[in-house]
Amino acid sequence: MEKYVIFSDLDGTLYIDGLPFDGVQQSLQELVDKGVKIFFTTNNTSSTREDYRKKLIDLSFPISEDSVITPIQIAKDFFMKSNFCNPYISSLPSVKKEFFSDTDFDSSQENDPDSILIAFNKEIDYKELEKIAIWINRGVPYFLTHIDYCCPSHLGPLPDCGSFGELFFRTTGVKFTDHFGKPGKFYSDYLISKIGSFKPIVIGDRIYTDGLLGKEIGAKTVIVLSGETKKPDDISEIDFFNTAVDFFNTLK
């Protein structure tokens, strides 16, 4: 068996609403037992990386110390290396704590930021939207953790970070400066650093994020029809499967 490294999406790919699709855990474990490296590459920034680790352990997914990759760790690295010294992050409290931990940024200073990072903030309210819009109107650059317009659920698509970015663009006329999720250059570069001598595979449920990510890092790309994408498309660089397990079975 070839040496593979799999970069797998979570929501809509391996589970939905936190419930794994049939056979996912067993398939993942069998691949790991055969020497396949697996990273879980979510764009979702409503939870911390440690929260994801605990969740996947509870779901009996094979997990190593650095298995989970989210845009927060990538955004944090960017801001620490940038000239921004007073960023504001719109996020849930646990994610904000993760972002500011082990940095010189003062998380208590939330007035007059020199930059804004907008995460998937499930508690965002109008007061927060108004505050951010005013800063953008004053010329403060804003970034998104990721560009997904919606997240899948059993109740249908729900608003995600990309929709927040669209709201601010329609409101202020100013587009976000950059983002740190799939398939952007920051996320892509981070994954490339994990490939080594392995043959990379990207699997997910979105053509415009997971599909483009595979192209960016030169990986075999698989889109499953269990999440946002509901039917295969005629794209020569992408293989379509009904489920992740259907694809994993081709590697055994």
Protein backbone atom coordinates (compact mmCIF):
# COMPACT_ATOMS: atom_id res chain seq x y z
CA MET A 1 0.00 0.00 0.00
CA GLU A 2 1.28 3.46 -0.89
CA LYS A 3 2.12 5.91 1.89
CA TYR A 4 -0.86 8.25 2.08
CA VAL A 5 -1.60 11.33 4.15
CA ILE A 6 -5.30 12.16 4.21
CA PHE A 7 -6.58 15.65 4.98
CA SER A 8 -10.22 15.02 5.82
CA ASP A 9 -12.98 17.51 6.42
CA LEU A 10 -15.36 16.80 9.32
CA ASP A 11 -18.82 18.40 9.05
CA GLY A 12 -20.74 16.80 6.19
CA THR A 13 -17.86 14.44 5.43
CA LEU A 14 -17.26 12.20 8.45
CA TYR A 15 -20.29 13.27 10.48
CA ILE A 16 -23.22 15.67 10.51
CA ASP A 17 -24.46 17.45 13.64
CA GLY A 18 -21.80 15.47 15.52
CA LEU A 19 -23.20 12.07 14.50
CA PRO A 20 -20.69 9.95 12.52
CA PHE A 21 -21.82 8.34 9.28
CA ASP A 22 -22.01 4.56 9.32
CA GLY A 23 -18.64 2.81 9.28
CA VAL A 24 -16.50 5.95 9.56
CA GLN A 25 -14.66 5.09 12.79
CA GLN A 26 -13.80 1.57 11.67
CA SER A 27 -12.58 2.73 8.26
CA LEU A 28 -10.37 5.43 9.77
CA GLN A 29 -8.83 3.01 12.28
CA GLU A 30 -8.12 0.42 9.58
CA LEU A 31 -6.33 3.05 7.50
CA VAL A 32 -4.25 4.26 10.45
CA ASP A 33 -3.33 0.67 11.26
CA LYS A 34 -1.97 0.38 7.71
CA GLY A 35 0.26 3.43 8.15
CA VAL A 36 -1.97 6.13 6.68
CA LYS A 37 -1.54 9.53 8.33
CA ILE A 38 -4.84 11.33 8.89
CA PHE A 39 -5.41 14.99 9.69
CA PHE A 40 -8.85 16.42 10.40
CA THR A 41 -9.03 19.71 8.54
CA THR A 42 -12.09 21.67 9.52
CA ASN A 43 -12.96 25.24 8.59
CA ASN A 44 -15.33 25.46 11.55
CA THR A 45 -14.13 28.00 14.13
CA SER A 46 -17.03 27.77 16.57
CA SER A 47 -14.95 25.40 18.72
CA THR A 48 -11.33 25.27 19.84
CA ARG A 49 -8.84 22.74 18.55
CA GLU A 50 -8.80 21.06 21.98
CA ASP A 51 -12.61 20.86 21.96
CA TYR A 52 -12.39 19.09 18.60
CA ARG A 53 -9.76 16.70 19.92
CA LYS A 54 -11.94 15.74 22.87
CA LYS A 55 -14.97 15.39 20.63
CA LEU A 56 -13.19 13.11 18.17
CA ILE A 57 -11.73 11.02 20.97
CA ASP A 58 -15.26 10.59 22.38
CA LEU A 59 -16.37 9.50 18.90
CA SER A 60 -13.59 6.88 18.84
CA PHE A 61 -11.75 8.54 15.94
CA PRO A 62 -8.00 7.78 15.79
CA ILE A 63 -6.35 10.93 17.11
CA SER A 64 -2.75 12.08 17.57
CA GLU A 65 -1.51 15.25 19.23
CA ASP A 66 -1.53 17.36 16.05
CA SER A 67 -4.38 15.64 14.16
CA VAL A 68 -6.82 18.56 14.24
CA ILE A 69 -6.15 21.61 12.06
CA THR A 70 -8.38 24.70 12.28
CA PRO A 71 -8.06 28.23 10.86
CA ILE A 72 -7.60 29.65 14.38
CA GLN A 73 -4.08 28.29 14.82
CA ILE A 74 -3.17 29.49 11.33
CA ALA A 75 -4.68 32.95 11.89
CA LYS A 76 -2.93 33.21 15.24
CA ASP A 77 0.44 32.50 13.62
CA PHE A 78 -0.25 35.16 10.97
CA PHE A 79 -1.16 37.89 13.45
CA MET A 80 1.81 37.11 15.69
CA LYS A 81 4.15 37.58 12.71
CA SER A 82 2.33 40.64 11.36
CA ASN A 83 2.59 44.32 12.24
CA PHE A 84 -0.83 44.26 13.89
CA CYS A 85 -0.54 44.74 17.64
CA ASN A 86 -4.16 45.12 18.75
CA PRO A 87 -6.41 42.68 16.89
CA TYR A 88 -10.05 42.17 17.83
CA ILE A 89 -11.60 38.74 17.36
CA SER A 90 -15.34 38.19 17.07
CA SER A 91 -15.80 34.65 18.36
CA LEU A 92 -17.10 32.52 21.16
CA PRO A 93 -15.21 33.08 24.46
CA SER A 94 -13.34 29.75 24.33
CA VAL A 95 -12.07 30.48 20.81
CA LYS A 96 -11.03 33.99 21.82
CA LYS A 97 -9.06 32.51 24.72
CA GLU A 98 -7.34 30.08 22.36
CA PHE A 99 -6.44 32.87 19.94
CA PHE A 100 -4.91 35.15 22.60
CA SER A 101 -3.11 32.44 24.61
CA ASP A 102 0.70 32.65 24.52
CA THR A 103 0.68 35.98 22.68
CA ASP A 104 1.65 39.54 23.60
CA PHE A 105 -1.75 40.83 22.50
CA ASP A 106 -3.93 42.38 25.21
CA SER A 107 -7.25 40.60 24.92
CA SER A 108 -8.86 43.07 27.36
CA GLN A 109 -8.29 45.99 25.00
CA GLU A 110 -11.31 45.85 22.71
CA ASN A 111 -11.45 49.53 21.76
CA ASP A 112 -9.81 50.99 18.66
CA PRO A 113 -8.38 47.75 17.24
CA ASP A 114 -5.92 47.90 14.36
CA SER A 115 -7.41 44.75 12.79
CA ILE A 116 -10.44 42.47 13.10
CA LEU A 117 -10.73 38.69 12.85
CA ILE A 118 -14.24 37.32 12.37
CA ALA A 119 -14.75 33.68 13.36
CA PHE A 120 -17.86 31.49 13.27
CA ASN A 121 -19.44 33.30 16.22
CA LYS A 122 -22.69 31.54 17.07
CA GLU A 123 -23.48 34.15 19.73
CA ILE A 124 -23.06 37.23 17.54
CA ASP A 125 -25.78 39.87 18.04
CA TYR A 126 -26.68 43.20 16.49
CA LYS A 127 -24.56 45.17 18.94
CA GLU A 128 -21.51 43.19 17.85
CA LEU A 129 -22.38 43.59 14.16
CA GLU A 130 -22.80 47.34 14.63
CA LYS A 131 -19.48 47.69 16.47
CA ILE A 132 -17.56 45.82 13.77
CA ALA A 133 -19.25 47.76 10.95
CA ILE A 134 -18.27 51.07 12.57
CA TRP A 135 -14.63 49.97 12.80
CA ILE A 136 -14.66 48.84 9.17
CA ASN A 137 -16.17 52.20 8.16
CA ARG A 138 -13.21 53.86 9.90
CA GLY A 139 -10.77 51.86 7.78
CA VAL A 140 -9.85 48.98 10.10
CA PRO A 141 -9.02 45.91 7.96
CA TYR A 142 -10.98 42.77 8.69
CA PHE A 143 -10.19 39.11 8.11
CA LEU A 144 -12.33 35.98 8.12
CA THR A 145 -11.26 32.71 9.67
CA HIS A 146 -12.87 30.97 6.66
CA ILE A 147 -15.16 31.66 3.73
CA ASP A 148 -17.84 28.96 4.05
CA TYR A 149 -21.24 30.56 3.53
CA CYS A 150 -23.10 27.84 5.40
CA CYS A 151 -22.58 24.81 7.61
CA PRO A 152 -24.54 21.59 7.07
CA SER A 153 -27.08 20.34 9.59
CA HIS A 154 -29.99 17.92 9.74
CA LEU A 155 -32.23 21.00 9.52
CA GLY A 156 -30.55 22.20 6.34
CA PRO A 157 -27.81 24.80 5.72
CA LEU A 158 -27.15 27.33 8.50
CA PRO A 159 -25.25 30.68 8.25
CA ASP A 160 -21.46 30.42 8.58
CA CYS A 161 -18.50 32.80 8.60
CA GLY A 162 -18.58 33.55 4.87
CA SER A 163 -22.13 34.83 5.28
CA PHE A 164 -20.91 37.19 8.01
CA GLY A 165 -18.27 38.47 5.60
CA GLU A 166 -20.91 38.99 2.92
CA LEU A 167 -23.05 40.91 5.40
CA PHE A 168 -20.20 43.29 6.24
CA PHE A 169 -19.32 43.72 2.57
CA ARG A 170 -22.93 44.55 1.65
CA THR A 171 -23.15 46.92 4.62
CA THR A 172 -19.85 48.79 4.32
CA GLY A 173 -18.81 48.21 0.71
CA VAL A 174 -15.45 46.94 2.02
CA LYS A 175 -14.34 43.37 1.27
CA PHE A 176 -12.43 41.31 3.82
CA THR A 177 -8.63 41.50 3.46
CA ASP A 178 -7.93 37.76 3.57
CA HIS A 179 -8.94 34.51 5.26
CA PHE A 180 -7.19 31.59 6.97
CA GLY A 181 -9.33 28.61 6.04
CA LYS A 182 -9.62 26.23 3.12
CA PRO A 183 -8.68 26.73 0.30
CA GLY A 184 -6.60 29.84 1.05
CA LYS A 185 -2.84 30.18 0.78
CA PHE A 186 -2.22 30.20 4.54
CA TYR A 187 -4.13 26.95 5.11
CA SER A 188 -2.62 25.37 1.99
CA ASP A 189 0.93 26.20 3.03
CA TYR A 190 0.30 24.71 6.46
CA LEU A 191 -0.93 21.43 4.96
CA ILE A 192 1.99 21.27 2.52
CA SER A 193 4.33 21.37 5.54
CA LYS A 194 2.66 18.15 6.78
CA ILE A 195 2.97 16.08 3.59
CA GLY A 196 6.61 15.02 3.69
CA SER A 197 7.18 11.84 1.64
CA PHE A 198 3.51 10.83 1.73
CA LYS A 199 1.04 10.99 -1.16
CA PRO A 200 -1.60 13.58 -0.23
CA ILE A 201 -5.37 13.12 -0.44
CA VAL A 202 -7.96 15.79 0.33
CA ILE A 203 -11.50 14.67 1.08
CA GLY A 204 -14.46 16.91 1.85
CA ASP A 205 -17.99 17.90 0.88
CA ARG A 206 -17.46 21.33 -0.70
CA ILE A 207 -16.08 21.91 -4.17
CA TYR A 208 -15.23 25.57 -3.56
CA THR A 209 -13.19 24.85 -0.41
CA ASP A 210 -12.09 21.20 -0.22
CA GLY A 211 -12.02 20.82 -4.00
CA LEU A 212 -9.86 23.88 -4.54
CA LEU A 213 -7.67 22.98 -1.56
CA GLY A 214 -6.74 19.68 -3.19
CA LYS A 215 -5.67 21.53 -6.33
CA GLU A 216 -3.66 24.06 -4.33
CA ILE A 217 -1.56 21.42 -2.57
CA GLY A 218 -1.30 19.00 -5.51
CA ALA A 219 -3.37 16.28 -3.85
CA LYS A 220 -5.78 13.65 -5.09
CA THR A 221 -9.14 15.26 -4.40
CA VAL A 222 -12.35 13.55 -3.33
CA ILE A 223 -15.72 15.21 -2.84
CA VAL A 224 -18.44 13.27 -1.02
CA LEU A 225 -22.17 13.78 -1.48
CA SER A 226 -23.08 13.50 2.20
CA GLY A 227 -22.80 17.22 2.99
CA GLU A 228 -23.18 20.43 1.00
CA THR A 229 -22.49 18.91 -2.44
CA LYS A 230 -25.45 16.74 -3.44
CA LYS A 231 -24.55 15.56 -6.93
CA PRO A 232 -21.32 14.91 -8.85
CA ASP A 233 -19.99 17.47 -11.29
CA ASP A 234 -17.96 17.07 -14.46
CA ILE A 235 -14.65 18.21 -12.98
CA SER A 236 -11.72 16.15 -14.20
CA GLU A 237 -9.50 16.86 -11.17
CA ILE A 238 -12.09 15.66 -8.63
CA ASP A 239 -13.42 12.18 -7.81
CA PHE A 240 -16.95 12.02 -6.41
CA PHE A 241 -18.17 9.39 -3.92
CA ASN A 242 -21.46 9.07 -2.07
CA THR A 243 -19.72 8.79 1.30
CA ALA A 244 -16.25 8.96 2.81
CA VAL A 245 -16.45 5.27 3.68
CA ASP A 246 -17.08 4.45 0.01
CA PHE A 247 -13.79 6.16 -0.85
CA PHE A 248 -11.85 4.77 2.12
CA ASN A 249 -12.79 1.26 0.96
CA THR A 250 -10.84 1.87 -2.27
CA LEU A 251 -7.64 2.32 -0.24
CA LYS A 252 -7.89 -0.97 1.65
